[in-house]
Each structure stands twice: as structure tokens, then as C-alpha cells.
N, C-alpha and C. Protein backbone atom coordinates (compact mmCIF):
# COMPACT_ATOMS: atom_id res chain seq x y z
N UNK A 1 -18.13 -28.02 -32.85
CA UNK A 1 -19.00 -27.21 -32.40
C UNK A 1 -20.66 -27.85 -32.14
N UNK A 2 -21.38 -27.50 -31.28
CA UNK A 2 -22.64 -28.14 -31.21
C UNK A 2 -23.74 -26.65 -30.63
N UNK A 3 -25.01 -27.12 -31.21
CA UNK A 3 -26.05 -26.12 -31.41
C UNK A 3 -27.28 -26.62 -30.86
N UNK A 4 -26.95 -26.03 -29.75
CA UNK A 4 -28.58 -25.99 -28.36
C UNK A 4 -29.69 -24.96 -28.66
N UNK A 5 -30.90 -25.32 -28.06
CA UNK A 5 -31.85 -24.36 -28.05
C UNK A 5 -30.87 -22.91 -27.47
N UNK A 6 -30.47 -23.20 -26.41
CA UNK A 6 -29.39 -21.85 -25.97
C UNK A 6 -28.94 -21.42 -26.62
N UNK A 7 -28.53 -21.58 -27.90
CA UNK A 7 -27.52 -20.73 -28.73
C UNK A 7 -28.49 -20.12 -29.77
N UNK A 8 -29.85 -20.75 -30.10
CA UNK A 8 -30.65 -19.92 -30.40
C UNK A 8 -31.20 -18.66 -29.71
N UNK A 9 -31.43 -19.03 -28.38
CA UNK A 9 -31.97 -17.81 -27.56
C UNK A 9 -30.74 -16.64 -27.58
N UNK A 10 -29.32 -17.20 -27.17
CA UNK A 10 -28.38 -16.33 -27.37
C UNK A 10 -28.45 -15.33 -28.49
N UNK A 11 -28.75 -16.13 -29.87
CA UNK A 11 -28.34 -15.50 -31.20
C UNK A 11 -29.45 -14.40 -31.33
N UNK A 12 -30.69 -14.75 -30.83
CA UNK A 12 -32.02 -14.00 -31.10
C UNK A 12 -31.44 -12.77 -30.02
N UNK A 13 -31.15 -12.75 -28.91
CA UNK A 13 -31.02 -11.74 -28.05
C UNK A 13 -29.86 -10.94 -28.41
N UNK A 14 -28.81 -11.53 -28.71
CA UNK A 14 -27.96 -10.26 -29.53
C UNK A 14 -28.47 -9.72 -30.72
N UNK A 15 -29.23 -10.15 -31.38
CA UNK A 15 -29.54 -9.65 -32.84
C UNK A 15 -31.00 -8.39 -31.95
N UNK A 16 -31.21 -8.69 -30.88
CA UNK A 16 -32.29 -7.86 -30.50
C UNK A 16 -31.50 -6.68 -29.94
N UNK A 17 -30.50 -7.04 -29.12
CA UNK A 17 -29.44 -5.69 -28.43
C UNK A 17 -28.90 -4.79 -29.69
N UNK A 18 -28.39 -5.61 -30.70
CA UNK A 18 -27.69 -4.97 -32.05
C UNK A 18 -29.07 -4.13 -32.83
N UNK A 19 -30.07 -4.83 -32.68
CA UNK A 19 -31.18 -3.84 -33.55
C UNK A 19 -31.70 -2.55 -33.03
N UNK A 20 -31.99 -3.33 -31.72
CA UNK A 20 -32.99 -2.11 -31.01
C UNK A 20 -32.52 -1.45 -29.96
N UNK A 21 -31.22 -1.88 -29.51
CA UNK A 21 -31.03 -1.41 -28.28
C UNK A 21 -29.95 -0.19 -28.17
N UNK A 22 -30.27 0.85 -27.22
CA UNK A 22 -29.16 1.88 -27.62
C UNK A 22 -28.46 1.87 -26.42
N UNK A 23 -27.93 2.73 -25.60
CA UNK A 23 -26.62 2.62 -24.70
C UNK A 23 -27.38 2.22 -23.44
N UNK A 24 -28.24 2.32 -23.51
CA UNK A 24 -29.16 2.10 -22.18
C UNK A 24 -29.61 0.45 -21.94
N UNK A 25 -29.33 -0.16 -20.80
CA UNK A 25 -29.52 -1.38 -20.61
C UNK A 25 -30.90 -2.06 -20.72
N UNK A 26 -30.83 -3.00 -20.99
CA UNK A 26 -32.12 -3.84 -21.26
C UNK A 26 -32.37 -4.81 -20.43
N UNK A 27 -33.56 -4.91 -20.15
CA UNK A 27 -33.98 -5.97 -18.85
C UNK A 27 -33.88 -7.00 -18.97
N UNK A 28 -33.61 -7.94 -18.38
CA UNK A 28 -34.11 -9.81 -18.83
C UNK A 28 -35.30 -10.05 -18.78
N UNK A 29 -36.32 -9.17 -18.26
CA UNK A 29 -37.69 -9.82 -18.33
C UNK A 29 -38.27 -9.17 -19.78
N UNK A 30 -37.58 -8.11 -20.38
CA UNK A 30 -37.94 -7.71 -21.85
C UNK A 30 -37.20 -8.85 -22.79
N UNK A 31 -36.03 -8.99 -22.64
CA UNK A 31 -35.38 -9.94 -23.37
C UNK A 31 -35.96 -11.35 -23.34
N UNK A 32 -36.48 -11.94 -22.31
CA UNK A 32 -37.17 -13.34 -22.24
C UNK A 32 -38.77 -13.16 -22.73
N UNK A 33 -39.26 -12.19 -22.55
CA UNK A 33 -40.78 -12.00 -23.29
C UNK A 33 -40.62 -12.04 -24.44
N UNK A 34 -39.43 -11.39 -25.27
CA UNK A 34 -39.42 -11.48 -26.58
C UNK A 34 -39.15 -12.61 -27.10
N UNK A 35 -38.85 -13.77 -26.27
CA UNK A 35 -38.90 -15.03 -26.96
C UNK A 35 -39.38 -15.92 -26.43
N UNK A 36 -40.14 -15.70 -25.59
CA UNK A 36 -40.94 -16.57 -25.10
C UNK A 36 -40.00 -17.59 -24.17
N UNK A 37 -39.48 -17.15 -23.38
CA UNK A 37 -38.67 -18.21 -22.48
C UNK A 37 -38.54 -17.20 -21.12
N UNK A 38 -38.16 -18.54 -20.34
CA UNK A 38 -38.47 -17.75 -18.82
C UNK A 38 -37.18 -16.88 -18.66
N UNK A 39 -37.21 -16.02 -17.50
CA UNK A 39 -36.21 -14.90 -17.08
C UNK A 39 -34.90 -15.62 -16.70
N UNK A 40 -35.34 -16.51 -15.79
CA UNK A 40 -33.96 -17.32 -15.22
C UNK A 40 -33.45 -18.37 -15.92
N UNK A 41 -34.13 -19.23 -16.80
CA UNK A 41 -33.26 -19.50 -18.01
C UNK A 41 -32.27 -18.67 -18.83
N UNK A 42 -32.85 -17.50 -19.50
CA UNK A 42 -32.12 -16.38 -20.37
C UNK A 42 -30.96 -16.26 -19.33
N UNK A 43 -31.29 -15.57 -18.11
CA UNK A 43 -30.24 -15.36 -17.56
C UNK A 43 -29.02 -15.75 -17.36
N UNK A 44 -29.25 -17.47 -17.45
CA UNK A 44 -27.89 -18.33 -17.32
C UNK A 44 -27.01 -18.41 -18.72
N UNK A 45 -27.67 -17.84 -19.85
CA UNK A 45 -27.58 -17.85 -21.48
C UNK A 45 -26.61 -16.62 -20.93
N UNK A 46 -27.10 -15.32 -20.97
CA UNK A 46 -26.80 -14.09 -20.73
C UNK A 46 -25.52 -14.08 -19.98
N UNK A 47 -25.28 -15.11 -19.02
CA UNK A 47 -24.10 -14.87 -18.29
C UNK A 47 -22.79 -15.38 -18.81
N UNK A 48 -22.89 -16.44 -19.85
CA UNK A 48 -22.26 -16.97 -21.10
C UNK A 48 -21.67 -15.83 -22.29
N UNK A 49 -22.86 -14.98 -22.20
CA UNK A 49 -22.18 -13.94 -23.15
C UNK A 49 -21.34 -12.72 -22.31
N UNK A 50 -21.96 -12.80 -21.17
CA UNK A 50 -21.25 -11.48 -20.25
C UNK A 50 -19.57 -12.41 -20.62
N UNK A 51 -19.45 -13.37 -19.94
CA UNK A 51 -17.99 -14.15 -19.88
C UNK A 51 -17.19 -13.96 -20.71
N UNK A 52 -17.81 -14.29 -22.26
CA UNK A 52 -17.21 -14.09 -23.54
C UNK A 52 -17.08 -12.73 -23.70
N UNK A 53 -17.30 -11.62 -23.40
CA UNK A 53 -17.18 -10.11 -23.18
C UNK A 53 -18.24 -9.75 -24.53
N UNK A 54 -18.89 -10.25 -24.56
CA UNK A 54 -20.17 -9.77 -26.06
C UNK A 54 -21.02 -8.72 -25.70
N UNK A 55 -21.30 -9.07 -23.92
CA UNK A 55 -22.49 -7.91 -23.58
C UNK A 55 -21.95 -7.84 -22.19
N UNK A 56 -22.42 -6.55 -21.33
CA UNK A 56 -22.23 -6.66 -20.12
C UNK A 56 -23.10 -6.02 -19.20
N UNK A 57 -23.45 -6.31 -18.31
CA UNK A 57 -24.66 -6.21 -17.35
C UNK A 57 -24.63 -5.00 -16.33
N UNK A 58 -25.33 -4.31 -16.26
CA UNK A 58 -26.04 -3.16 -15.41
C UNK A 58 -27.00 -3.48 -14.04
N UNK A 59 -26.19 -3.63 -13.13
CA UNK A 59 -27.25 -3.84 -11.94
C UNK A 59 -27.83 -2.53 -11.65
N UNK A 60 -28.87 -2.70 -10.63
CA UNK A 60 -29.36 -1.87 -9.85
C UNK A 60 -30.95 -1.35 -10.75
N UNK A 61 -31.43 -0.23 -10.02
CA UNK A 61 -32.75 0.31 -10.81
C UNK A 61 -32.24 0.76 -12.28
N UNK A 62 -32.93 0.44 -13.18
CA UNK A 62 -32.95 0.46 -14.39
C UNK A 62 -31.53 -0.38 -15.56
N UNK A 63 -31.42 -1.43 -14.51
CA UNK A 63 -30.11 -2.25 -15.23
C UNK A 63 -31.07 -3.09 -15.87
N UNK A 64 -29.73 -4.02 -16.70
CA UNK A 64 -30.12 -4.73 -17.47
C UNK A 64 -28.72 -5.02 -18.44
N UNK A 65 -28.78 -5.60 -19.96
CA UNK A 65 -27.50 -5.86 -20.40
C UNK A 65 -27.66 -4.73 -21.64
N UNK A 66 -26.14 -4.60 -22.18
CA UNK A 66 -26.15 -4.00 -23.37
C UNK A 66 -24.52 -4.65 -23.93
N UNK A 67 -24.43 -3.98 -25.04
CA UNK A 67 -23.44 -4.56 -25.97
C UNK A 67 -22.07 -4.25 -25.31
N UNK A 68 -21.06 -4.78 -24.96
CA UNK A 68 -19.98 -4.67 -24.79
C UNK A 68 -19.01 -4.53 -25.97
N UNK A 69 -19.07 -5.23 -26.62
CA UNK A 69 -18.39 -5.17 -28.18
C UNK A 69 -18.88 -4.20 -29.34
N UNK A 70 -18.30 -3.59 -30.15
CA UNK A 70 -18.53 -2.81 -31.16
C UNK A 70 -19.48 -3.85 -31.93
N UNK A 71 -20.52 -3.55 -32.42
CA UNK A 71 -21.55 -4.42 -32.82
C UNK A 71 -21.17 -4.97 -34.39
N UNK A 72 -20.49 -4.24 -34.96
CA UNK A 72 -19.96 -4.58 -36.34
C UNK A 72 -19.27 -5.89 -36.16
N UNK A 73 -18.53 -5.68 -35.28
CA UNK A 73 -17.75 -6.96 -34.93
C UNK A 73 -18.15 -8.36 -34.58
N UNK A 74 -19.56 -8.23 -34.10
CA UNK A 74 -20.01 -9.88 -33.21
C UNK A 74 -20.30 -10.50 -34.73
N UNK A 75 -19.62 -11.46 -34.43
CA UNK A 75 -20.13 -12.45 -35.54
C UNK A 75 -21.05 -13.76 -35.11
N UNK A 76 -21.99 -14.65 -35.72
CA UNK A 76 -22.52 -15.65 -35.34
C UNK A 76 -21.60 -16.64 -34.54
N UNK A 77 -20.38 -16.87 -34.77
CA UNK A 77 -19.61 -17.79 -34.24
C UNK A 77 -19.10 -17.34 -32.93
N UNK A 78 -18.96 -15.74 -32.47
CA UNK A 78 -18.48 -15.53 -31.56
C UNK A 78 -19.80 -15.87 -30.25
N UNK A 79 -20.84 -16.01 -31.01
CA UNK A 79 -22.25 -16.18 -30.34
C UNK A 79 -22.22 -17.73 -30.13
N UNK A 80 -21.81 -18.27 -30.88
CA UNK A 80 -22.10 -19.82 -30.85
C UNK A 80 -20.80 -20.53 -29.73
N UNK A 81 -19.88 -19.66 -29.97
CA UNK A 81 -18.70 -20.58 -29.01
C UNK A 81 -18.52 -19.75 -27.53
N UNK A 82 -19.40 -18.94 -27.36
CA UNK A 82 -19.78 -18.09 -26.53
C UNK A 82 -20.53 -19.11 -25.65
N UNK A 83 -21.66 -19.76 -26.21
CA UNK A 83 -22.66 -20.64 -25.32
C UNK A 83 -21.99 -22.24 -25.42
N UNK A 84 -21.66 -22.67 -26.57
CA UNK A 84 -21.50 -24.02 -26.81
C UNK A 84 -20.26 -24.59 -26.73
N UNK A 85 -19.08 -23.40 -26.42
CA UNK A 85 -17.69 -23.61 -26.58
C UNK A 85 -17.14 -24.04 -27.88
N UNK A 86 -15.97 -24.59 -27.94
CA UNK A 86 -15.27 -24.74 -29.14
C UNK A 86 -15.01 -26.30 -29.64
N UNK A 87 -15.79 -27.39 -28.98
CA UNK A 87 -15.50 -28.91 -29.14
C UNK A 87 -16.03 -29.06 -30.44
N UNK A 88 -15.15 -29.96 -30.98
CA UNK A 88 -15.85 -30.35 -32.70
C UNK A 88 -16.84 -31.15 -32.39
N UNK A 89 -17.57 -30.93 -33.59
CA UNK A 89 -18.63 -31.73 -33.79
C UNK A 89 -18.42 -33.22 -33.75
N UNK A 90 -17.69 -33.56 -34.64
CA UNK A 90 -17.15 -35.17 -34.82
C UNK A 90 -15.92 -35.84 -33.93
N UNK A 91 -16.19 -36.94 -33.50
CA UNK A 91 -15.26 -37.26 -32.68
C UNK A 91 -14.83 -38.56 -33.41
N UNK A 92 -13.66 -39.04 -33.69
CA UNK A 92 -13.43 -40.25 -34.03
C UNK A 92 -13.25 -41.41 -33.37
N UNK A 93 -13.98 -42.50 -33.69
CA UNK A 93 -13.72 -43.56 -32.92
C UNK A 93 -12.75 -44.22 -32.81
N UNK A 94 -11.91 -44.14 -33.36
CA UNK A 94 -10.28 -44.93 -33.36
C UNK A 94 -9.56 -44.60 -32.17
N UNK A 95 -8.36 -44.80 -32.48
CA UNK A 95 -7.10 -44.60 -31.70
C UNK A 95 -6.48 -43.32 -32.14
N UNK A 96 -7.28 -42.08 -31.85
CA UNK A 96 -7.20 -40.45 -32.06
C UNK A 96 -7.56 -40.22 -33.13
N UNK A 97 -7.42 -39.08 -33.23
CA UNK A 97 -7.86 -38.31 -34.61
C UNK A 97 -6.88 -38.16 -35.69
N UNK A 98 -5.44 -38.21 -35.35
CA UNK A 98 -4.59 -37.89 -36.12
C UNK A 98 -4.47 -38.96 -37.42
N UNK A 99 -4.48 -40.38 -37.30
CA UNK A 99 -4.42 -40.57 -38.40
C UNK A 99 -5.81 -41.26 -39.27
N UNK A 100 -7.07 -40.80 -38.75
CA UNK A 100 -7.81 -40.70 -39.24
C UNK A 100 -8.64 -40.04 -40.37
N UNK A 101 -9.22 -40.91 -41.50
CA UNK A 101 -9.35 -40.03 -42.91
C UNK A 101 -10.57 -39.76 -43.01
N UNK A 102 -11.43 -40.66 -42.06
CA UNK A 102 -13.17 -39.75 -41.96
C UNK A 102 -12.86 -38.31 -40.96
N UNK A 103 -11.92 -38.37 -39.88
CA UNK A 103 -11.64 -37.30 -39.04
C UNK A 103 -11.16 -35.88 -40.14
N UNK A 104 -10.23 -36.01 -41.01
CA UNK A 104 -9.80 -35.26 -41.71
C UNK A 104 -10.81 -34.58 -42.48
N UNK A 105 -12.02 -35.20 -43.29
CA UNK A 105 -13.13 -34.61 -43.97
C UNK A 105 -13.97 -33.98 -42.99
N UNK A 106 -14.28 -34.80 -41.91
CA UNK A 106 -15.27 -34.12 -41.18
C UNK A 106 -14.80 -32.69 -40.67
N UNK A 107 -13.26 -32.93 -40.01
CA UNK A 107 -12.67 -31.50 -39.49
C UNK A 107 -12.57 -30.16 -40.71
N UNK A 108 -12.56 -30.73 -42.38
CA UNK A 108 -12.22 -29.60 -42.98
C UNK A 108 -13.79 -28.91 -43.69
N UNK A 109 -14.79 -29.92 -43.23
CA UNK A 109 -16.17 -29.71 -43.44
C UNK A 109 -16.59 -28.48 -42.18
N UNK A 110 -16.33 -28.64 -40.83
CA UNK A 110 -16.59 -27.83 -40.02
C UNK A 110 -15.74 -26.69 -39.83
N UNK A 111 -14.47 -26.58 -40.52
CA UNK A 111 -13.73 -25.46 -40.34
C UNK A 111 -14.31 -24.46 -41.71
N UNK A 112 -14.63 -24.91 -42.75
CA UNK A 112 -15.36 -24.42 -43.66
C UNK A 112 -16.66 -23.73 -43.12
N UNK A 113 -17.35 -24.61 -42.37
CA UNK A 113 -18.82 -23.98 -41.81
C UNK A 113 -18.53 -22.56 -40.87
N UNK A 114 -17.05 -23.03 -39.46
CA UNK A 114 -17.06 -21.90 -38.87
C UNK A 114 -16.38 -20.54 -39.89
N UNK A 115 -15.74 -20.91 -40.56
CA UNK A 115 -15.06 -19.63 -41.41
C UNK A 115 -16.54 -18.82 -42.08
N UNK A 116 -17.31 -19.59 -42.49
CA UNK A 116 -18.61 -18.81 -42.77
C UNK A 116 -19.22 -17.97 -41.75
N UNK A 117 -19.62 -18.72 -40.76
CA UNK A 117 -19.89 -18.13 -39.33
C UNK A 117 -19.46 -17.02 -38.99
N UNK A 118 -18.19 -17.11 -38.91
CA UNK A 118 -17.22 -16.21 -38.65
C UNK A 118 -17.38 -14.71 -39.49
N UNK A 119 -17.81 -14.91 -40.55
CA UNK A 119 -17.48 -13.92 -41.45
C UNK A 119 -18.91 -13.18 -41.43
N UNK A 120 -20.06 -13.78 -41.21
CA UNK A 120 -21.25 -13.37 -41.15
C UNK A 120 -21.55 -12.54 -39.64
N UNK A 121 -21.75 -11.42 -40.06
CA UNK A 121 -22.03 -10.59 -38.64
C UNK A 121 -23.35 -10.26 -38.49
N UNK A 122 -24.16 -10.38 -37.09
CA UNK A 122 -25.23 -10.18 -36.86
C UNK A 122 -25.64 -8.48 -37.04
N UNK A 123 -24.95 -7.59 -37.54
CA UNK A 123 -25.38 -6.53 -37.99
C UNK A 123 -25.88 -6.66 -39.40
N UNK A 124 -25.68 -7.84 -40.05
CA UNK A 124 -26.33 -7.91 -41.52
C UNK A 124 -27.93 -8.17 -41.51
N UNK A 125 -28.05 -9.14 -40.30
CA UNK A 125 -29.79 -9.51 -40.04
C UNK A 125 -30.28 -8.37 -39.54
N UNK A 126 -29.50 -7.98 -38.37
CA UNK A 126 -30.24 -6.88 -37.47
C UNK A 126 -31.08 -5.51 -38.52
N UNK A 127 -29.87 -5.15 -39.55
CA UNK A 127 -30.36 -4.06 -40.37
C UNK A 127 -32.02 -4.76 -40.94
N UNK A 128 -31.99 -6.19 -41.28
CA UNK A 128 -33.50 -6.56 -42.03
C UNK A 128 -34.71 -6.70 -41.27
N UNK A 129 -34.26 -6.64 -39.63
CA UNK A 129 -35.48 -6.83 -38.54
C UNK A 129 -35.68 -6.03 -37.98
N UNK A 130 -34.78 -4.82 -38.28
CA UNK A 130 -35.59 -3.61 -37.68
C UNK A 130 -36.83 -3.34 -37.45
N UNK A 131 -37.82 -2.95 -37.29
CA UNK A 131 -39.02 -2.92 -37.27
C UNK A 131 -39.62 -4.01 -36.99
N UNK A 132 -39.11 -5.22 -36.98
CA UNK A 132 -39.97 -6.53 -37.12
C UNK A 132 -39.92 -7.15 -35.89
N UNK A 133 -40.30 -8.28 -34.86
CA UNK A 133 -40.26 -8.96 -33.73
C UNK A 133 -38.73 -9.89 -34.20
N UNK A 134 -37.95 -9.60 -33.54
CA UNK A 134 -37.03 -10.82 -33.29
C UNK A 134 -36.96 -12.00 -32.91
N UNK A 135 -38.39 -12.30 -32.48
CA UNK A 135 -38.51 -13.65 -31.84
C UNK A 135 -39.05 -14.66 -33.69
N UNK A 136 -39.04 -14.08 -34.47
CA UNK A 136 -39.71 -15.22 -35.58
C UNK A 136 -38.58 -16.13 -35.91
């Protein structure tokens, strides 16, 4: 699991949608403005969130993005996997990973981190940021 700037934008976007959005779609321009990023770049990230069934897009006048899943069910790990995929952070340089002791330690650490991120729901933070800007 790797983390890029795109993951940060995705997490902030999801936090905004959870904290502030209603059933009405939120336009990409507003979401991009909140994070000081180009709408074109953010659209690519939003496409990944749509493919992961976290949000849905509505086209036409008044279109934009809204949550597709129940906001209480969306974890940090869901968003990270949507943007970054599920590849491991560590790759052993030996002949495969099965007998590598180092890989075992790294995999165990990664599994603990994923367990924490899976348990951490975005709604927990969204409640804290209501009334504040999400781009902090």
C-alpha cells in the first residue's frame, strides 16, 4: 500500500462529501477549489472513487458527485485502496517472498496498519471538521 498526493485529495474529498454534502451532487469545481487543485486532476481521482463504488456521479445541470455508500461504512482503507490499489509496500529482493523472514515482518506491520485504517471511519473525523474548512 503506497500513499500519493492523490490519496490525500481523495480522503479530503470524501471527508467533505461526508461532512457537508446532502443528497444533492457537489460539483467538481467546488471540490477542487476547497483543496486548491485543478478540477481536471481531481476528476481523475473522482473517477477512481466512482469505480470503487464509494461515490456516484450525476451528469447534466446541477450535476456532480455524491456518496454512494453509507457514510458510516466508509473507512480510510476503502479510499486508499480505491486510489492506490492493494499492492504491498514492501517487495522482497530474494527469490520470492514465501521464505523471506524480512518480508514476514514487513507484511505483519502492513497488516496491522491496514487493520487500523479499516477500523477508522471517515465519519469520525467528519464530525470534528463540520464548520471548518476541509483543506486543513
